C-alpha atoms as a PDB file:
ATOM      1  CA  MET A   1      11.483   2.694 -16.678  1.00  0.00           C
ATOM      2  CA  GLU A   2      15.069   2.277 -15.525  1.00  0.00           C
ATOM      3  CA  ASN A   3      14.559   4.803 -12.703  1.00  0.00           C
ATOM      4  CA  LEU A   4      11.868   2.838 -10.912  1.00  0.00           C
ATOM      5  CA  LYS A   5      12.108   2.967  -7.143  1.00  0.00           C
ATOM      6  CA  PRO A   6      12.238  -0.512  -5.614  1.00  0.00           C
ATOM      7  CA  THR A   7       9.305  -1.798  -3.589  1.00  0.00           C
ATOM      8  CA  ILE A   8       9.551  -3.057  -0.053  1.00  0.00           C
ATOM      9  CA  TRP A   9       6.706  -5.244   1.186  1.00  0.00           C
ATOM     10  CA  VAL A  10       5.813  -5.142   4.882  1.00  0.00           C
ATOM     11  CA  SER A  11       4.686  -8.317   6.648  1.00  0.00           C
ATOM     12  CA  SER A  12       2.075 -10.282   4.683  1.00  0.00           C
ATOM     13  CA  SER A  13       1.146  -7.502   2.228  1.00  0.00           C
ATOM     14  CA  LYS A  14       2.629  -9.237  -0.852  1.00  0.00           C
ATOM     15  CA  LYS A  15       1.142 -12.625   0.008  1.00  0.00           C
ATOM     16  CA  ASP A  16      -2.237 -11.019   0.676  1.00  0.00           C
ATOM     17  CA  LEU A  17      -2.196  -9.068  -2.605  1.00  0.00           C
ATOM     18  CA  ARG A  18      -1.432 -12.227  -4.570  1.00  0.00           C
ATOM     19  CA  LYS A  19      -4.758 -13.718  -3.412  1.00  0.00           C
ATOM     20  CA  PHE A  20      -6.819 -10.937  -5.001  1.00  0.00           C
ATOM     21  CA  PRO A  21      -8.759 -11.323  -8.268  1.00  0.00           C
ATOM     22  CA  LYS A  22      -6.737 -10.683 -11.431  1.00  0.00           C
ATOM     23  CA  LYS A  23      -8.407  -7.335 -12.289  1.00  0.00           C
ATOM     24  CA  VAL A  24      -7.775  -6.032  -8.773  1.00  0.00           C
ATOM     25  CA  LYS A  25      -4.124  -7.122  -8.821  1.00  0.00           C
ATOM     26  CA  GLU A  26      -3.649  -5.369 -12.166  1.00  0.00           C
ATOM     27  CA  THR A  27      -5.029  -2.081 -10.806  1.00  0.00           C
ATOM     28  CA  PHE A  28      -2.894  -2.268  -7.675  1.00  0.00           C
ATOM     29  CA  GLY A  29       0.188  -3.257  -9.674  1.00  0.00           C
ATOM     30  CA  GLU A  30      -0.346  -0.260 -11.940  1.00  0.00           C
ATOM     31  CA  ALA A  31      -0.760   2.055  -8.927  1.00  0.00           C
ATOM     32  CA  ILE A  32       2.468   0.758  -7.396  1.00  0.00           C
ATOM     33  CA  MET A  33       4.284   1.250 -10.701  1.00  0.00           C
ATOM     34  CA  TYR A  34       3.067   4.860 -10.839  1.00  0.00           C
ATOM     35  CA  ALA A  35       4.458   5.353  -7.329  1.00  0.00           C
ATOM     36  CA  GLN A  36       7.762   3.773  -8.344  1.00  0.00           C
ATOM     37  CA  CYS A  37       7.963   6.380 -11.115  1.00  0.00           C
ATOM     38  CA  GLY A  38       7.238   9.190  -8.659  1.00  0.00           C
ATOM     39  CA  GLU A  39       3.685   9.708  -9.878  1.00  0.00           C
ATOM     40  CA  LYS A  40       0.233   9.281  -8.361  1.00  0.00           C
ATOM     41  CA  HIS A  41      -2.201   6.800  -9.907  1.00  0.00           C
ATOM     42  CA  PRO A  42      -5.655   8.273 -10.711  1.00  0.00           C
ATOM     43  CA  LYS A  43      -7.272   5.912  -8.168  1.00  0.00           C
ATOM     44  CA  ALA A  44      -4.756   6.671  -5.393  1.00  0.00           C
ATOM     45  CA  LYS A  45      -6.058   8.853  -2.589  1.00  0.00           C
ATOM     46  CA  ILE A  46      -4.417  10.107   0.573  1.00  0.00           C
ATOM     47  CA  TYR A  47      -5.225   7.764   3.437  1.00  0.00           C
ATOM     48  CA  LYS A  48      -7.199  10.097   5.684  1.00  0.00           C
ATOM     49  CA  HIS A  49      -6.659   8.215   8.955  1.00  0.00           C
ATOM     50  CA  GLN A  50      -2.903   8.881   9.000  1.00  0.00           C
ATOM     51  CA  GLY A  51      -2.942  12.652   8.554  1.00  0.00           C
ATOM     52  CA  SER A  52      -0.129  13.823   6.323  1.00  0.00           C
ATOM     53  CA  GLY A  53       1.906  10.676   6.869  1.00  0.00           C
ATOM     54  CA  GLY A  54       2.493  10.026   3.180  1.00  0.00           C
ATOM     55  CA  ILE A  55       0.225   6.980   2.946  1.00  0.00           C
ATOM     56  CA  LEU A  56      -1.817   6.442  -0.193  1.00  0.00           C
ATOM     57  CA  GLU A  57      -4.787   4.107  -0.577  1.00  0.00           C
ATOM     58  CA  VAL A  58      -6.142   2.488  -3.716  1.00  0.00           C
ATOM     59  CA  VAL A  59      -9.619   0.940  -3.602  1.00  0.00           C
ATOM     60  CA  GLU A  60     -10.877  -1.427  -6.288  1.00  0.00           C
ATOM     61  CA  ASP A  61     -14.247  -3.143  -6.525  1.00  0.00           C
ATOM     62  CA  ASP A  62     -14.769  -6.568  -8.054  1.00  0.00           C
ATOM     63  CA  THR A  63     -17.588  -9.086  -8.089  1.00  0.00           C
ATOM     64  CA  ALA A  64     -15.769 -10.747  -5.162  1.00  0.00           C
ATOM     65  CA  GLY A  65     -15.945  -7.536  -3.097  1.00  0.00           C
ATOM     66  CA  THR A  66     -13.983  -4.378  -2.340  1.00  0.00           C
ATOM     67  CA  PHE A  67     -10.210  -4.518  -2.009  1.00  0.00           C
ATOM     68  CA  ARG A  68      -7.728  -1.986  -0.652  1.00  0.00           C
ATOM     69  CA  THR A  69      -3.987  -1.565  -0.833  1.00  0.00           C
ATOM     70  CA  LEU A  70      -2.071   1.022   1.167  1.00  0.00           C
ATOM     71  CA  TYR A  71       1.467   2.110   0.488  1.00  0.00           C
ATOM     72  CA  THR A  72       3.767   4.939   1.441  1.00  0.00           C
ATOM     73  CA  VAL A  73       5.898   7.193  -0.708  1.00  0.00           C
ATOM     74  CA  LYS A  74       7.272   8.978   2.344  1.00  0.00           C
ATOM     75  CA  PHE A  75      10.715   7.426   1.939  1.00  0.00           C
ATOM     76  CA  GLU A  76      12.970   8.857  -0.740  1.00  0.00           C
ATOM     77  CA  LYS A  77      14.451   5.710  -2.266  1.00  0.00           C
ATOM     78  CA  ALA A  78      11.647   3.113  -2.100  1.00  0.00           C
ATOM     79  CA  VAL A  79       7.903   2.573  -2.232  1.00  0.00           C
ATOM     80  CA  ILE A  80       6.735   0.598   0.775  1.00  0.00           C
ATOM     81  CA  ILE A  81       3.602  -1.531   0.567  1.00  0.00           C
ATOM     82  CA  LEU A  82       1.969  -1.553   3.987  1.00  0.00           C
ATOM     83  CA  HIS A  83      -1.262  -3.505   3.735  1.00  0.00           C
ATOM     84  CA  ALA A  84      -3.473  -5.260   1.196  1.00  0.00           C
ATOM     85  CA  PHE A  85      -6.880  -6.491   2.293  1.00  0.00           C
ATOM     86  CA  GLN A  86     -10.442  -7.181   1.327  1.00  0.00           C
ATOM     87  CA  LYS A  87     -12.976  -4.907   2.979  1.00  0.00           C
ATOM     88  CA  LYS A  88     -15.121  -7.021   5.261  1.00  0.00           C
ATOM     89  CA  SER A  89     -17.459  -4.472   6.816  1.00  0.00           C
ATOM     90  CA  LYS A  90     -20.913  -4.418   5.297  1.00  0.00           C
ATOM     91  CA  LYS A  91     -21.570  -0.907   6.645  1.00  0.00           C
ATOM     92  CA  GLY A  92     -20.346   2.055   4.634  1.00  0.00           C
ATOM     93  CA  ILE A  93     -16.814   2.544   3.410  1.00  0.00           C
ATOM     94  CA  GLU A  94     -15.155   2.931   6.808  1.00  0.00           C
ATOM     95  CA  THR A  95     -11.905   1.078   7.435  1.00  0.00           C
ATOM     96  CA  THR A  96     -12.172  -1.111  10.544  1.00  0.00           C
ATOM     97  CA  LYS A  97     -10.325  -0.143  13.719  1.00  0.00           C
ATOM     98  CA  GLN A  98      -8.351  -3.376  13.460  1.00  0.00           C
ATOM     99  CA  ASP A  99      -7.132  -2.451   9.958  1.00  0.00           C
ATOM    100  CA  LYS A 100      -6.388   1.154  11.023  1.00  0.00           C
ATOM    101  CA  ASP A 101      -4.287  -0.117  13.925  1.00  0.00           C
ATOM    102  CA  LEU A 102      -2.507  -2.595  11.651  1.00  0.00           C
ATOM    103  CA  ILE A 103      -1.714   0.116   9.103  1.00  0.00           C
ATOM    104  CA  SER A 104      -0.356   2.370  11.829  1.00  0.00           C
ATOM    105  CA  SER A 105       1.865  -0.364  13.275  1.00  0.00           C
ATOM    106  CA  ARG A 106       3.076  -1.349   9.800  1.00  0.00           C
ATOM    107  CA  MET A 107       4.012   2.266   9.097  1.00  0.00           C
ATOM    108  CA  GLN A 108       6.193   2.184  12.201  1.00  0.00           C
ATOM    109  CA  LEU A 109       7.662  -1.129  11.064  1.00  0.00           C
ATOM    110  CA  ALA A 110       8.234   0.336   7.586  1.00  0.00           C
ATOM    111  CA  LYS A 111      10.538   2.982   9.061  1.00  0.00           C
ATOM    112  CA  GLN A 112      12.684   0.284  10.635  1.00  0.00           C
ATOM    113  CA  ILE A 113      12.679  -1.916   7.520  1.00  0.00           C
ATOM    114  CA  TYR A 114      13.601   1.054   5.330  1.00  0.00           C
ATOM    115  CA  GLU A 115      16.546   2.007   7.540  1.00  0.00           C
ATOM    116  CA  GLU A 116      17.816  -1.597   7.463  1.00  0.00           C
ATOM    117  CA  TRP A 117      17.328  -1.719   3.699  1.00  0.00           C
ATOM    118  CA  LEU A 118      19.325   1.494   3.276  1.00  0.00           C
ATOM    119  CA  GLU A 119      22.204  -0.030   5.242  1.00  0.00           C
ATOM    120  CA  HIS A 120      22.268  -3.028   2.890  1.00  0.00           C
ATOM    121  CA  GLU A 121      22.218  -0.747  -0.146  1.00  0.00           C
ATOM    122  CA  LYS A 122      25.435   1.018   0.883  1.00  0.00           C
END
């Protein structure tokens, strides 16, 4: 476990994840740990709305609803958590346009945050 990649949290993703039910947080924590080890959690799927952008999505259901966490493994030295949210749409499994736009903008922000983080690591 000593070779775990560090995690970088974008915007409110950590605060949002902390509000989730315990079972959901455990699943997402496990998925992030897999990513830190360079592996893919069994529940992690490629986020289809970003193409091959290196974003993974984990979905977990609970009595309180459906929850999603998206993170990227695109960067060599860190796992970046982009977004954690509860699915609000009552229709199907589609991610809302608002969430898609937020994920896209956070991916752009992640690039900047990662570059700044690398500078501090030198």
